[in-house]
Amino acid sequence: MNNISKTNKLLATMIILAITVTACTTFVRTSYQTLSSVATIVDTARNGYNEFYKAGMVKPELAAKVEQAYPIYQQSMGLAVQAVKAYQNLAATGVIVSPDSANLAIQNAQDKTNELLAVFAEAGGPKVEPVTIEKIVVKGK
């Protein structure tokens, strides 16, 4: 009877771990796809802005805003990717991980992306709807 109980506990633990890893894998895949899509949107907007810039149609103060906002956007997106990787690595070990830090990085990336897109639009680049980057959701929260 003890062996069956131990086997059931082991099986239950393995199932919980498999569900956690599967949920994490799905989230991570979705996050990478979303971050990649956001990067593509920004690249498209930057290309449109560059055309206006090369044609001399961008005011110097707007060009300065872009030059200030773009590296901040790049840094925040890099941090979001690192946060997703950290979340993935911890969850893969079976550790129950709070997504709060990763979500803060993702929210920051979303905010900085939208600020940059607004500057591109203000400078004559394409007007793009604000982006939303999917956050980590833990059931029960």
C-alpha atoms as a PDB file:
ATOM      1  CA  MET A   1       0.000   0.000   0.000  1.00  0.00           C
ATOM      2  CA  ASN A   2       2.872   2.339   0.803  1.00  0.00           C
ATOM      3  CA  ASN A   3       4.463   1.717  -2.596  1.00  0.00           C
ATOM      4  CA  ILE A   4       1.192   2.590  -4.361  1.00  0.00           C
ATOM      5  CA  SER A   5       0.895   5.777  -2.337  1.00  0.00           C
ATOM      6  CA  LYS A   6       4.475   6.754  -3.185  1.00  0.00           C
ATOM      7  CA  THR A   7       3.863   5.941  -6.842  1.00  0.00           C
ATOM      8  CA  ASN A   8       0.701   8.071  -6.868  1.00  0.00           C
ATOM      9  CA  LYS A   9       2.524  10.984  -5.227  1.00  0.00           C
ATOM     10  CA  LEU A  10       5.366  10.692  -7.732  1.00  0.00           C
ATOM     11  CA  LEU A  11       2.921  10.499 -10.623  1.00  0.00           C
ATOM     12  CA  ALA A  12       0.986  13.527  -9.335  1.00  0.00           C
ATOM     13  CA  THR A  13       4.217  15.497  -8.960  1.00  0.00           C
ATOM     14  CA  MET A  14       5.291  14.584 -12.487  1.00  0.00           C
ATOM     15  CA  ILE A  15       1.898  15.622 -13.887  1.00  0.00           C
ATOM     16  CA  ILE A  16       2.014  18.964 -12.076  1.00  0.00           C
ATOM     17  CA  LEU A  17       5.558  19.569 -13.325  1.00  0.00           C
ATOM     18  CA  ALA A  18       4.538  18.638 -16.889  1.00  0.00           C
ATOM     19  CA  ILE A  19       1.571  21.021 -16.771  1.00  0.00           C
ATOM     20  CA  THR A  20       3.760  23.807 -15.383  1.00  0.00           C
ATOM     21  CA  VAL A  21       6.434  23.288 -18.036  1.00  0.00           C
ATOM     22  CA  THR A  22       3.800  23.040 -20.807  1.00  0.00           C
ATOM     23  CA  ALA A  23       2.071  26.218 -19.648  1.00  0.00           C
ATOM     24  CA  CYS A  24       5.414  27.961 -19.391  1.00  0.00           C
ATOM     25  CA  THR A  25       6.464  26.737 -22.844  1.00  0.00           C
ATOM     26  CA  THR A  26       3.224  28.012 -24.365  1.00  0.00           C
ATOM     27  CA  PHE A  27       3.598  31.369 -22.652  1.00  0.00           C
ATOM     28  CA  VAL A  28       7.251  31.674 -23.659  1.00  0.00           C
ATOM     29  CA  ARG A  29       6.490  30.832 -27.283  1.00  0.00           C
ATOM     30  CA  THR A  30       3.651  33.387 -27.327  1.00  0.00           C
ATOM     31  CA  SER A  31       5.834  35.999 -25.634  1.00  0.00           C
ATOM     32  CA  TYR A  32       8.671  35.547 -28.113  1.00  0.00           C
ATOM     33  CA  GLN A  33       6.221  35.739 -31.026  1.00  0.00           C
ATOM     34  CA  THR A  34       4.638  38.882 -29.581  1.00  0.00           C
ATOM     35  CA  LEU A  35       8.004  40.537 -28.893  1.00  0.00           C
ATOM     36  CA  SER A  36       9.131  39.612 -32.405  1.00  0.00           C
ATOM     37  CA  SER A  37       5.953  41.102 -33.901  1.00  0.00           C
ATOM     38  CA  VAL A  38       6.455  44.301 -31.909  1.00  0.00           C
ATOM     39  CA  ALA A  39      10.047  44.538 -33.148  1.00  0.00           C
ATOM     40  CA  THR A  40       8.794  44.133 -36.730  1.00  0.00           C
ATOM     41  CA  ILE A  41       6.245  46.917 -36.222  1.00  0.00           C
ATOM     42  CA  VAL A  42       8.952  49.209 -34.832  1.00  0.00           C
ATOM     43  CA  ASP A  43      11.328  48.351 -37.698  1.00  0.00           C
ATOM     44  CA  THR A  44       8.598  49.206 -40.217  1.00  0.00           C
ATOM     45  CA  ALA A  45       7.855  52.496 -38.468  1.00  0.00           C
ATOM     46  CA  ARG A  46      11.575  53.298 -38.251  1.00  0.00           C
ATOM     47  CA  ASN A  47      11.976  52.644 -41.984  1.00  0.00           C
ATOM     48  CA  GLY A  48       9.113  55.044 -42.712  1.00  0.00           C
ATOM     49  CA  TYR A  49      10.644  57.625 -40.397  1.00  0.00           C
ATOM     50  CA  ASN A  50      14.065  57.152 -42.069  1.00  0.00           C
ATOM     51  CA  GLU A  51      12.557  57.972 -45.462  1.00  0.00           C
ATOM     52  CA  PHE A  52      11.196  61.260 -44.105  1.00  0.00           C
ATOM     53  CA  TYR A  53      14.519  61.950 -42.355  1.00  0.00           C
ATOM     54  CA  LYS A  54      16.576  61.350 -45.521  1.00  0.00           C
ATOM     55  CA  ALA A  55      14.238  63.646 -47.440  1.00  0.00           C
ATOM     56  CA  GLY A  56      14.919  66.402 -44.895  1.00  0.00           C
ATOM     57  CA  MET A  57      11.322  66.415 -43.700  1.00  0.00           C
ATOM     58  CA  VAL A  58      12.036  65.792 -40.006  1.00  0.00           C
ATOM     59  CA  LYS A  59      12.531  68.737 -37.687  1.00  0.00           C
ATOM     60  CA  PRO A  60      15.794  68.585 -35.720  1.00  0.00           C
ATOM     61  CA  GLU A  61      13.984  68.495 -32.355  1.00  0.00           C
ATOM     62  CA  LEU A  62      11.964  65.464 -33.492  1.00  0.00           C
ATOM     63  CA  ALA A  63      15.076  63.749 -34.805  1.00  0.00           C
ATOM     64  CA  ALA A  64      16.642  64.331 -31.374  1.00  0.00           C
ATOM     65  CA  LYS A  65      13.578  62.745 -29.717  1.00  0.00           C
ATOM     66  CA  VAL A  66      13.929  59.667 -31.930  1.00  0.00           C
ATOM     67  CA  GLU A  67      17.655  59.401 -31.235  1.00  0.00           C
ATOM     68  CA  GLN A  68      16.894  59.535 -27.510  1.00  0.00           C
ATOM     69  CA  ALA A  69      13.871  57.182 -27.549  1.00  0.00           C
ATOM     70  CA  TYR A  70      15.242  54.445 -29.826  1.00  0.00           C
ATOM     71  CA  PRO A  71      18.054  53.161 -27.546  1.00  0.00           C
ATOM     72  CA  ILE A  72      15.655  53.218 -24.584  1.00  0.00           C
ATOM     73  CA  TYR A  73      13.206  51.116 -26.598  1.00  0.00           C
ATOM     74  CA  GLN A  74      15.997  48.697 -27.544  1.00  0.00           C
ATOM     75  CA  GLN A  75      17.110  48.352 -23.934  1.00  0.00           C
ATOM     76  CA  SER A  76      13.576  47.790 -22.634  1.00  0.00           C
ATOM     77  CA  MET A  77      12.874  45.136 -25.282  1.00  0.00           C
ATOM     78  CA  GLY A  78      16.147  43.407 -24.390  1.00  0.00           C
ATOM     79  CA  LEU A  79      15.152  43.392 -20.733  1.00  0.00           C
ATOM     80  CA  ALA A  80      11.737  41.953 -21.618  1.00  0.00           C
ATOM     81  CA  VAL A  81      13.379  39.109 -23.547  1.00  0.00           C
ATOM     82  CA  GLN A  82      15.747  38.452 -20.630  1.00  0.00           C
ATOM     83  CA  ALA A  83      12.814  38.436 -18.195  1.00  0.00           C
ATOM     84  CA  VAL A  84      10.925  35.895 -20.303  1.00  0.00           C
ATOM     85  CA  LYS A  85      14.055  33.718 -20.495  1.00  0.00           C
ATOM     86  CA  ALA A  86      14.559  33.936 -16.716  1.00  0.00           C
ATOM     87  CA  TYR A  87      10.922  33.017 -16.127  1.00  0.00           C
ATOM     88  CA  GLN A  88      11.249  30.095 -18.535  1.00  0.00           C
ATOM     89  CA  ASN A  89      14.449  28.824 -16.917  1.00  0.00           C
ATOM     90  CA  LEU A  90      13.052  28.981 -13.374  1.00  0.00           C
ATOM     91  CA  ALA A  91       9.710  27.436 -14.298  1.00  0.00           C
ATOM     92  CA  ALA A  92      11.500  24.603 -16.125  1.00  0.00           C
ATOM     93  CA  THR A  93      13.084  23.572 -12.819  1.00  0.00           C
ATOM     94  CA  GLY A  94       9.634  23.119 -11.291  1.00  0.00           C
ATOM     95  CA  VAL A  95       9.990  26.171  -9.075  1.00  0.00           C
ATOM     96  CA  ILE A  96       6.754  28.108  -8.689  1.00  0.00           C
ATOM     97  CA  VAL A  97       7.706  31.511 -10.013  1.00  0.00           C
ATOM     98  CA  SER A  98       5.902  34.802  -9.558  1.00  0.00           C
ATOM     99  CA  PRO A  99       5.607  36.547 -12.902  1.00  0.00           C
ATOM    100  CA  ASP A 100       5.683  40.030 -11.349  1.00  0.00           C
ATOM    101  CA  SER A 101       9.253  40.930 -12.345  1.00  0.00           C
ATOM    102  CA  ALA A 102       8.842  39.598 -15.864  1.00  0.00           C
ATOM    103  CA  ASN A 103       5.544  41.456 -16.216  1.00  0.00           C
ATOM    104  CA  LEU A 104       7.155  44.712 -15.091  1.00  0.00           C
ATOM    105  CA  ALA A 105       9.821  44.304 -17.783  1.00  0.00           C
ATOM    106  CA  ILE A 106       7.176  43.446 -20.379  1.00  0.00           C
ATOM    107  CA  GLN A 107       5.047  46.456 -19.367  1.00  0.00           C
ATOM    108  CA  ASN A 108       8.107  48.716 -19.566  1.00  0.00           C
ATOM    109  CA  ALA A 109       8.905  47.399 -23.051  1.00  0.00           C
ATOM    110  CA  GLN A 110       5.315  48.014 -24.113  1.00  0.00           C
ATOM    111  CA  ASP A 111       5.374  51.577 -22.757  1.00  0.00           C
ATOM    112  CA  LYS A 112       8.737  52.426 -24.371  1.00  0.00           C
ATOM    113  CA  THR A 113       7.648  50.889 -27.673  1.00  0.00           C
ATOM    114  CA  ASN A 114       4.487  52.980 -27.742  1.00  0.00           C
ATOM    115  CA  GLU A 115       6.431  56.126 -26.834  1.00  0.00           C
ATOM    116  CA  LEU A 116       8.833  55.473 -29.721  1.00  0.00           C
ATOM    117  CA  LEU A 117       6.003  54.766 -32.172  1.00  0.00           C
ATOM    118  CA  ALA A 118       4.367  58.049 -31.162  1.00  0.00           C
ATOM    119  CA  VAL A 119       7.633  59.930 -31.828  1.00  0.00           C
ATOM    120  CA  PHE A 120       7.972  58.248 -35.247  1.00  0.00           C
ATOM    121  CA  ALA A 121       4.404  59.300 -36.094  1.00  0.00           C
ATOM    122  CA  GLU A 122       5.015  62.840 -34.843  1.00  0.00           C
ATOM    123  CA  ALA A 123       8.102  63.030 -37.054  1.00  0.00           C
ATOM    124  CA  GLY A 124       6.112  62.055 -40.138  1.00  0.00           C
ATOM    125  CA  GLY A 125       6.546  58.301 -40.033  1.00  0.00           C
ATOM    126  CA  PRO A 126       3.598  55.921 -40.231  1.00  0.00           C
ATOM    127  CA  LYS A 127       0.925  56.219 -37.565  1.00  0.00           C
ATOM    128  CA  VAL A 128       0.728  52.855 -35.810  1.00  0.00           C
ATOM    129  CA  GLU A 129      -1.808  51.775 -33.230  1.00  0.00           C
ATOM    130  CA  PRO A 130      -0.315  51.303 -29.751  1.00  0.00           C
ATOM    131  CA  VAL A 131       0.955  47.781 -29.204  1.00  0.00           C
ATOM    132  CA  THR A 132       0.029  45.450 -26.377  1.00  0.00           C
ATOM    133  CA  ILE A 133       2.530  42.823 -25.285  1.00  0.00           C
ATOM    134  CA  GLU A 134       1.005  39.773 -23.617  1.00  0.00           C
ATOM    135  CA  LYS A 135       1.766  39.495 -19.916  1.00  0.00           C
ATOM    136  CA  ILE A 136       2.304  36.338 -17.890  1.00  0.00           C
ATOM    137  CA  VAL A 137      -0.930  35.278 -16.248  1.00  0.00           C
ATOM    138  CA  VAL A 138      -0.954  32.830 -13.355  1.00  0.00           C
ATOM    139  CA  LYS A 139      -4.239  31.027 -12.804  1.00  0.00           C
ATOM    140  CA  GLY A 140      -6.070  32.269  -9.751  1.00  0.00           C
ATOM    141  CA  LYS A 141      -4.656  35.811 -10.017  1.00  0.00           C
END
